[in-house]
Every structure is written in structure tokens, then in C-alpha cells.
Amino acid sequence: MAAFTGVVSIFEKNGVLEIRRVSSGGYAADELYDIVSAQGKVEKTGLLTDLLEFKKPITKWSLWLDGIDVKAAETYSSATIAKLVKGNTVELIAVKCKGRNGTFMAPRLKITAPGAVKAAPNKARLGR
């Protein structure tokens, strides 16, 4: 797991939204929320804001719920995601996934509850 540095976009597949990496357009990793100018006008819309405005279910493959007690499902409604986002940390991360042609890094929205236990870093030694 690492911070995602590319560009992502929202796609709809069979009525369900998912986040995918794209080469151009879309949202950068630091554009999760609306970017507001000093005058109070929205200059750029954010990924999370737009994802919730579609009011369609979101696939579980686009999310990582860390330390949050919610019933596991194939899809999560935008109303459920809106509740989970409040008071929790949200970040765009890259997760290693297995595909037909090997492994690849896929973007996911990681929603972490405050005080969630973080995994200890691996202290395995490489080499001798």
C-alpha cells in the first residue's frame, strides 16, 4: 500500500460506480474534496464529492474500510459512504492487486476510523 500518485476517474459498470486509473483528465490524488477559492467559489470539484453526488452504489473494490464496523457488501450506497466519511480519514491509495497478466497497482479510497490500529511495519531482513 502506498499513496496513489496518478490520475483516476469514476466509471459506471452495470449501474455501479468504480474508481479506475486513467492517463489524463479525471482527478489527481490530492483532489479528494472540492477546492474552494478565497472568494468562496468552487474552482475544482473533488473525487469524493462527485462520487457521492451520483447517488449510485459504489463497488467494494474501490474502497478500503479500515477499522470501521460496517456490514460487508458487494456494493455500498452513496448514503452509507457519506456517513462513513464523516469523522474518518479519507485518502487515495494504491493497492497491489492480482490480474490475469500479473499484478498491478489499483487506486482505492481508504476510509480509516480514528484510533484504528495500524499494522506494524515488516521488520524482515532481506539478504543475509
N, C-alpha and C. Protein backbone atom coordinates (compact mmCIF):
# COMPACT_ATOMS: atom_id res chain seq x y z
N MET A 1 0.83 -1.17 0.00
CA MET A 1 0.00 0.00 0.00
C MET A 1 0.88 1.24 0.00
N ALA A 2 0.53 2.19 -0.83
CA ALA A 2 1.25 3.46 -0.91
C ALA A 2 0.28 4.53 -1.35
N ALA A 3 0.66 5.77 -1.19
CA ALA A 3 -0.18 6.86 -1.67
C ALA A 3 -0.26 6.79 -3.18
N PHE A 4 -1.44 6.97 -3.73
CA PHE A 4 -1.61 6.93 -5.18
C PHE A 4 -1.17 8.26 -5.76
N THR A 5 -0.37 8.23 -6.82
CA THR A 5 0.17 9.45 -7.38
C THR A 5 -0.35 9.76 -8.78
N GLY A 6 -1.14 8.90 -9.36
CA GLY A 6 -1.62 9.11 -10.72
C GLY A 6 -2.92 9.89 -10.78
N VAL A 7 -3.66 9.65 -11.84
CA VAL A 7 -4.94 10.31 -12.08
C VAL A 7 -6.01 9.22 -12.16
N VAL A 8 -7.15 9.45 -11.51
CA VAL A 8 -8.24 8.48 -11.51
C VAL A 8 -9.51 9.13 -12.04
N SER A 9 -10.46 8.29 -12.42
CA SER A 9 -11.75 8.77 -12.86
C SER A 9 -12.83 7.82 -12.35
N ILE A 10 -14.07 8.26 -12.43
CA ILE A 10 -15.21 7.47 -11.99
C ILE A 10 -15.85 6.83 -13.22
N PHE A 11 -16.05 5.52 -13.17
CA PHE A 11 -16.68 4.79 -14.26
C PHE A 11 -17.92 4.09 -13.73
N GLU A 12 -18.90 3.91 -14.60
CA GLU A 12 -20.11 3.19 -14.23
C GLU A 12 -20.15 1.88 -15.01
N LYS A 13 -20.34 0.79 -14.27
CA LYS A 13 -20.42 -0.54 -14.89
C LYS A 13 -21.63 -1.25 -14.30
N ASN A 14 -22.63 -1.52 -15.12
CA ASN A 14 -23.85 -2.19 -14.69
C ASN A 14 -24.54 -1.45 -13.55
N GLY A 15 -24.55 -0.12 -13.59
CA GLY A 15 -25.23 0.68 -12.58
C GLY A 15 -24.46 0.89 -11.30
N VAL A 16 -23.20 0.42 -11.25
CA VAL A 16 -22.37 0.54 -10.05
C VAL A 16 -21.14 1.37 -10.40
N LEU A 17 -20.78 2.30 -9.52
CA LEU A 17 -19.62 3.16 -9.75
C LEU A 17 -18.34 2.49 -9.26
N GLU A 18 -17.25 2.75 -9.96
CA GLU A 18 -15.94 2.28 -9.53
C GLU A 18 -14.88 3.31 -9.91
N ILE A 19 -13.77 3.27 -9.20
CA ILE A 19 -12.66 4.19 -9.44
C ILE A 19 -11.60 3.44 -10.22
N ARG A 20 -11.14 4.06 -11.31
CA ARG A 20 -10.08 3.44 -12.13
C ARG A 20 -9.01 4.46 -12.46
N ARG A 21 -7.82 3.96 -12.68
CA ARG A 21 -6.71 4.81 -13.11
C ARG A 21 -6.91 5.17 -14.58
N VAL A 22 -6.60 6.44 -14.91
CA VAL A 22 -6.65 6.90 -16.30
C VAL A 22 -5.36 7.66 -16.59
N SER A 23 -5.06 7.84 -17.86
CA SER A 23 -3.81 8.52 -18.22
C SER A 23 -3.93 10.04 -18.17
N SER A 24 -5.11 10.58 -18.43
CA SER A 24 -5.28 12.04 -18.37
C SER A 24 -6.73 12.36 -18.04
N GLY A 25 -6.98 13.62 -17.66
CA GLY A 25 -8.31 14.02 -17.24
C GLY A 25 -8.57 13.47 -15.85
N GLY A 26 -9.76 13.50 -15.39
CA GLY A 26 -10.09 12.93 -14.09
C GLY A 26 -9.57 13.74 -12.92
N TYR A 27 -9.22 13.04 -11.84
CA TYR A 27 -8.85 13.66 -10.58
C TYR A 27 -7.45 13.23 -10.17
N ALA A 28 -6.68 14.19 -9.68
CA ALA A 28 -5.36 13.86 -9.12
C ALA A 28 -5.57 13.37 -7.70
N ALA A 29 -4.53 12.76 -7.13
CA ALA A 29 -4.63 12.17 -5.79
C ALA A 29 -4.99 13.20 -4.72
N ASP A 30 -4.58 14.44 -4.90
CA ASP A 30 -4.86 15.46 -3.88
C ASP A 30 -6.20 16.17 -4.10
N GLU A 31 -7.00 15.70 -5.04
CA GLU A 31 -8.29 16.31 -5.33
C GLU A 31 -9.45 15.45 -4.83
N LEU A 32 -9.41 15.08 -3.54
CA LEU A 32 -10.49 14.29 -2.98
C LEU A 32 -11.72 15.14 -2.71
N TYR A 33 -11.49 16.33 -2.20
CA TYR A 33 -12.60 17.21 -1.85
C TYR A 33 -12.61 18.41 -2.80
N ASP A 34 -13.69 19.18 -2.75
CA ASP A 34 -13.79 20.40 -3.56
C ASP A 34 -12.66 21.36 -3.20
N ILE A 35 -12.11 22.01 -4.20
CA ILE A 35 -11.10 23.04 -3.98
C ILE A 35 -11.83 24.38 -4.10
N VAL A 36 -11.82 25.14 -3.01
CA VAL A 36 -12.58 26.39 -2.95
C VAL A 36 -11.60 27.56 -2.99
N SER A 37 -11.93 28.57 -3.78
CA SER A 37 -11.07 29.76 -3.88
C SER A 37 -11.25 30.65 -2.66
N ALA A 38 -10.44 31.69 -2.57
CA ALA A 38 -10.52 32.63 -1.45
C ALA A 38 -11.87 33.35 -1.44
N GLN A 39 -12.51 33.47 -2.59
CA GLN A 39 -13.81 34.14 -2.67
C GLN A 39 -14.96 33.20 -2.31
N GLY A 40 -14.65 31.96 -2.02
CA GLY A 40 -15.68 31.00 -1.63
C GLY A 40 -16.33 30.26 -2.78
N LYS A 41 -15.80 30.41 -3.99
CA LYS A 41 -16.35 29.69 -5.15
C LYS A 41 -15.60 28.38 -5.33
N VAL A 42 -16.33 27.36 -5.76
CA VAL A 42 -15.71 26.07 -6.02
C VAL A 42 -14.95 26.16 -7.34
N GLU A 43 -13.63 25.97 -7.29
CA GLU A 43 -12.82 26.03 -8.50
C GLU A 43 -12.72 24.67 -9.16
N LYS A 44 -12.56 23.63 -8.37
CA LYS A 44 -12.48 22.27 -8.89
C LYS A 44 -13.31 21.37 -8.00
N THR A 45 -14.02 20.45 -8.61
CA THR A 45 -14.77 19.50 -7.80
C THR A 45 -13.86 18.34 -7.45
N GLY A 46 -14.12 17.73 -6.33
CA GLY A 46 -13.28 16.63 -5.87
C GLY A 46 -13.87 15.27 -6.19
N LEU A 47 -13.02 14.27 -6.17
CA LEU A 47 -13.42 12.90 -6.47
C LEU A 47 -14.51 12.42 -5.52
N LEU A 48 -14.30 12.58 -4.23
CA LEU A 48 -15.26 12.09 -3.24
C LEU A 48 -16.60 12.81 -3.36
N THR A 49 -16.56 14.11 -3.55
CA THR A 49 -17.78 14.90 -3.70
C THR A 49 -18.58 14.43 -4.90
N ASP A 50 -17.92 14.27 -6.04
CA ASP A 50 -18.61 13.83 -7.25
C ASP A 50 -19.12 12.40 -7.11
N LEU A 51 -18.35 11.55 -6.46
CA LEU A 51 -18.75 10.16 -6.25
C LEU A 51 -20.06 10.09 -5.47
N LEU A 52 -20.19 10.94 -4.45
CA LEU A 52 -21.40 10.96 -3.63
C LEU A 52 -22.57 11.62 -4.35
N GLU A 53 -22.30 12.57 -5.22
CA GLU A 53 -23.37 13.28 -5.93
C GLU A 53 -24.07 12.41 -6.97
N PHE A 54 -23.41 11.37 -7.47
CA PHE A 54 -24.04 10.48 -8.46
C PHE A 54 -25.19 9.69 -7.86
N LYS A 55 -25.18 9.50 -6.52
CA LYS A 55 -26.23 8.77 -5.80
C LYS A 55 -26.45 7.37 -6.38
N LYS A 56 -25.35 6.71 -6.70
CA LYS A 56 -25.39 5.33 -7.18
C LYS A 56 -24.51 4.48 -6.27
N PRO A 57 -24.74 3.17 -6.23
CA PRO A 57 -23.90 2.32 -5.40
C PRO A 57 -22.45 2.32 -5.86
N ILE A 58 -21.55 2.09 -4.92
CA ILE A 58 -20.11 2.08 -5.18
C ILE A 58 -19.59 0.68 -4.90
N THR A 59 -18.81 0.13 -5.82
CA THR A 59 -18.31 -1.22 -5.67
C THR A 59 -17.33 -1.34 -4.51
N LYS A 60 -17.32 -2.49 -3.87
CA LYS A 60 -16.41 -2.70 -2.74
C LYS A 60 -14.95 -2.70 -3.20
N TRP A 61 -14.68 -2.93 -4.48
CA TRP A 61 -13.31 -2.97 -4.99
C TRP A 61 -12.69 -1.59 -5.08
N SER A 62 -13.50 -0.53 -4.96
CA SER A 62 -12.98 0.83 -5.00
C SER A 62 -12.74 1.39 -3.59
N LEU A 63 -13.07 0.61 -2.57
CA LEU A 63 -12.99 1.09 -1.20
C LEU A 63 -12.13 0.18 -0.33
N TRP A 64 -11.55 0.76 0.70
CA TRP A 64 -10.88 0.00 1.75
C TRP A 64 -11.35 0.61 3.05
N LEU A 65 -12.16 -0.13 3.80
CA LEU A 65 -12.70 0.35 5.07
C LEU A 65 -11.84 -0.22 6.19
N ASP A 66 -11.07 0.65 6.83
CA ASP A 66 -10.10 0.23 7.84
C ASP A 66 -10.55 0.65 9.23
N GLY A 67 -10.84 -0.34 10.08
CA GLY A 67 -11.24 -0.06 11.46
C GLY A 67 -12.66 0.44 11.59
N ILE A 68 -13.47 0.24 10.56
CA ILE A 68 -14.86 0.72 10.58
C ILE A 68 -15.78 -0.49 10.64
N ASP A 69 -16.71 -0.44 11.59
CA ASP A 69 -17.64 -1.54 11.78
C ASP A 69 -18.86 -1.32 10.88
N VAL A 70 -18.84 -1.95 9.73
CA VAL A 70 -19.95 -1.87 8.79
C VAL A 70 -20.14 -3.25 8.17
N LYS A 71 -21.39 -3.59 7.89
CA LYS A 71 -21.69 -4.89 7.31
C LYS A 71 -21.08 -5.00 5.92
N ALA A 72 -20.31 -6.04 5.67
CA ALA A 72 -19.66 -6.24 4.36
C ALA A 72 -20.71 -6.46 3.28
N ALA A 73 -20.47 -5.86 2.12
CA ALA A 73 -21.39 -5.98 1.00
C ALA A 73 -20.62 -5.88 -0.31
N GLU A 74 -21.24 -6.29 -1.39
CA GLU A 74 -20.63 -6.17 -2.72
C GLU A 74 -20.58 -4.72 -3.16
N THR A 75 -21.63 -3.97 -2.81
CA THR A 75 -21.69 -2.53 -3.13
C THR A 75 -22.14 -1.77 -1.89
N TYR A 76 -21.76 -0.49 -1.85
CA TYR A 76 -22.17 0.38 -0.75
C TYR A 76 -22.90 1.57 -1.35
N SER A 77 -24.02 1.94 -0.75
CA SER A 77 -24.78 3.09 -1.27
C SER A 77 -24.02 4.37 -0.98
N SER A 78 -24.32 5.41 -1.76
CA SER A 78 -23.65 6.69 -1.54
C SER A 78 -24.04 7.26 -0.18
N ALA A 79 -25.24 6.96 0.31
CA ALA A 79 -25.65 7.43 1.64
C ALA A 79 -24.78 6.77 2.73
N THR A 80 -24.47 5.49 2.57
CA THR A 80 -23.61 4.79 3.52
C THR A 80 -22.20 5.38 3.50
N ILE A 81 -21.67 5.63 2.31
CA ILE A 81 -20.33 6.21 2.19
C ILE A 81 -20.30 7.60 2.81
N ALA A 82 -21.35 8.40 2.58
CA ALA A 82 -21.42 9.75 3.15
C ALA A 82 -21.35 9.69 4.68
N LYS A 83 -22.00 8.69 5.29
CA LYS A 83 -21.94 8.54 6.74
C LYS A 83 -20.55 8.10 7.19
N LEU A 84 -19.92 7.19 6.44
CA LEU A 84 -18.60 6.68 6.81
C LEU A 84 -17.51 7.75 6.70
N VAL A 85 -17.67 8.68 5.79
CA VAL A 85 -16.66 9.71 5.56
C VAL A 85 -16.59 10.70 6.72
N LYS A 86 -17.73 10.96 7.35
CA LYS A 86 -17.78 11.94 8.43
C LYS A 86 -16.98 11.45 9.63
N GLY A 87 -16.01 12.24 10.04
CA GLY A 87 -15.21 11.92 11.22
C GLY A 87 -14.09 10.93 10.99
N ASN A 88 -13.96 10.43 9.79
CA ASN A 88 -12.91 9.46 9.48
C ASN A 88 -11.93 10.07 8.49
N THR A 89 -10.74 9.48 8.41
CA THR A 89 -9.72 9.93 7.47
C THR A 89 -9.96 9.27 6.11
N VAL A 90 -9.91 10.06 5.04
CA VAL A 90 -10.10 9.53 3.69
C VAL A 90 -8.87 9.88 2.87
N GLU A 91 -8.30 8.87 2.20
CA GLU A 91 -7.14 9.10 1.34
C GLU A 91 -7.22 8.18 0.14
N LEU A 92 -6.56 8.59 -0.93
CA LEU A 92 -6.50 7.78 -2.15
C LEU A 92 -5.18 7.03 -2.12
N ILE A 93 -5.26 5.70 -2.13
CA ILE A 93 -4.05 4.88 -2.03
C ILE A 93 -3.96 3.93 -3.22
N ALA A 94 -2.78 3.36 -3.40
CA ALA A 94 -2.55 2.35 -4.43
C ALA A 94 -2.39 1.00 -3.74
N VAL A 95 -3.12 0.02 -4.18
CA VAL A 95 -3.10 -1.32 -3.60
C VAL A 95 -2.69 -2.32 -4.67
N LYS A 96 -1.80 -3.22 -4.32
CA LYS A 96 -1.36 -4.24 -5.27
C LYS A 96 -2.46 -5.29 -5.43
N CYS A 97 -2.87 -5.51 -6.68
CA CYS A 97 -3.92 -6.48 -7.00
C CYS A 97 -3.40 -7.49 -8.00
N LYS A 98 -4.01 -8.68 -7.97
CA LYS A 98 -3.65 -9.72 -8.93
C LYS A 98 -4.59 -9.64 -10.12
N GLY A 99 -4.02 -9.75 -11.30
CA GLY A 99 -4.81 -9.76 -12.53
C GLY A 99 -4.46 -10.98 -13.36
N ARG A 100 -5.06 -11.09 -14.52
CA ARG A 100 -4.77 -12.22 -15.40
C ARG A 100 -3.34 -12.20 -15.90
N ASN A 101 -2.78 -11.01 -16.06
CA ASN A 101 -1.42 -10.89 -16.61
C ASN A 101 -0.39 -10.52 -15.55
N GLY A 102 -0.65 -10.84 -14.30
CA GLY A 102 0.29 -10.50 -13.23
C GLY A 102 -0.34 -9.55 -12.23
N THR A 103 0.51 -8.79 -11.53
CA THR A 103 0.00 -7.86 -10.54
C THR A 103 0.03 -6.43 -11.07
N PHE A 104 -0.81 -5.59 -10.50
CA PHE A 104 -0.86 -4.19 -10.89
C PHE A 104 -1.29 -3.37 -9.67
N MET A 105 -1.03 -2.06 -9.72
CA MET A 105 -1.41 -1.18 -8.64
C MET A 105 -2.76 -0.54 -8.98
N ALA A 106 -3.75 -0.73 -8.11
CA ALA A 106 -5.09 -0.19 -8.35
C ALA A 106 -5.41 0.89 -7.31
N PRO A 107 -6.08 1.95 -7.73
CA PRO A 107 -6.45 3.00 -6.78
C PRO A 107 -7.66 2.59 -5.94
N ARG A 108 -7.62 2.96 -4.66
CA ARG A 108 -8.75 2.72 -3.77
C ARG A 108 -8.90 3.89 -2.82
N LEU A 109 -10.13 4.16 -2.41
CA LEU A 109 -10.38 5.15 -1.38
C LEU A 109 -10.28 4.44 -0.04
N LYS A 110 -9.34 4.84 0.78
CA LYS A 110 -9.17 4.23 2.10
C LYS A 110 -9.84 5.12 3.13
N ILE A 111 -10.83 4.57 3.83
CA ILE A 111 -11.53 5.30 4.89
C ILE A 111 -11.11 4.65 6.21
N THR A 112 -10.42 5.42 7.04
CA THR A 112 -9.86 4.91 8.28
C THR A 112 -10.53 5.57 9.48
N ALA A 113 -10.97 4.75 10.42
CA ALA A 113 -11.57 5.27 11.65
C ALA A 113 -10.49 5.86 12.55
N PRO A 114 -10.81 6.91 13.30
CA PRO A 114 -9.81 7.45 14.23
C PRO A 114 -9.47 6.40 15.29
N GLY A 115 -8.21 6.27 15.58
CA GLY A 115 -7.77 5.31 16.58
C GLY A 115 -7.68 3.88 16.07
N ALA A 116 -7.82 3.67 14.77
CA ALA A 116 -7.70 2.32 14.21
C ALA A 116 -6.27 1.84 14.39
N VAL A 117 -6.12 0.58 14.72
CA VAL A 117 -4.79 0.01 14.92
C VAL A 117 -4.09 -0.10 13.58
N LYS A 118 -2.93 0.50 13.48
CA LYS A 118 -2.17 0.43 12.23
C LYS A 118 -1.26 -0.79 12.28
N ALA A 119 -1.10 -1.42 11.13
CA ALA A 119 -0.24 -2.60 11.04
C ALA A 119 1.20 -2.19 11.30
N ALA A 120 1.91 -3.03 12.06
CA ALA A 120 3.31 -2.76 12.33
C ALA A 120 4.12 -2.98 11.06
N PRO A 121 5.13 -2.16 10.83
CA PRO A 121 5.93 -2.36 9.63
C PRO A 121 6.65 -3.70 9.68
N ASN A 122 6.83 -4.29 8.52
CA ASN A 122 7.52 -5.58 8.43
C ASN A 122 9.00 -5.38 8.71
N LYS A 123 9.54 -6.10 9.68
CA LYS A 123 10.95 -5.94 10.05
C LYS A 123 11.81 -7.06 9.50
N ALA A 124 11.26 -7.80 8.54
CA ALA A 124 12.04 -8.88 7.94
C ALA A 124 13.26 -8.31 7.24
N ARG A 125 14.35 -9.00 7.38
CA ARG A 125 15.59 -8.56 6.76
C ARG A 125 15.77 -9.22 5.42
N LEU A 126 16.10 -8.45 4.42
CA LEU A 126 16.36 -9.02 3.10
C LEU A 126 17.85 -9.32 2.98
N GLY A 127 18.17 -10.33 2.26
CA GLY A 127 19.58 -10.69 2.10
C GLY A 127 20.05 -11.56 3.26
N ARG A 128 21.29 -11.41 3.63
CA ARG A 128 21.84 -12.24 4.72
C ARG A 128 21.52 -11.70 6.06
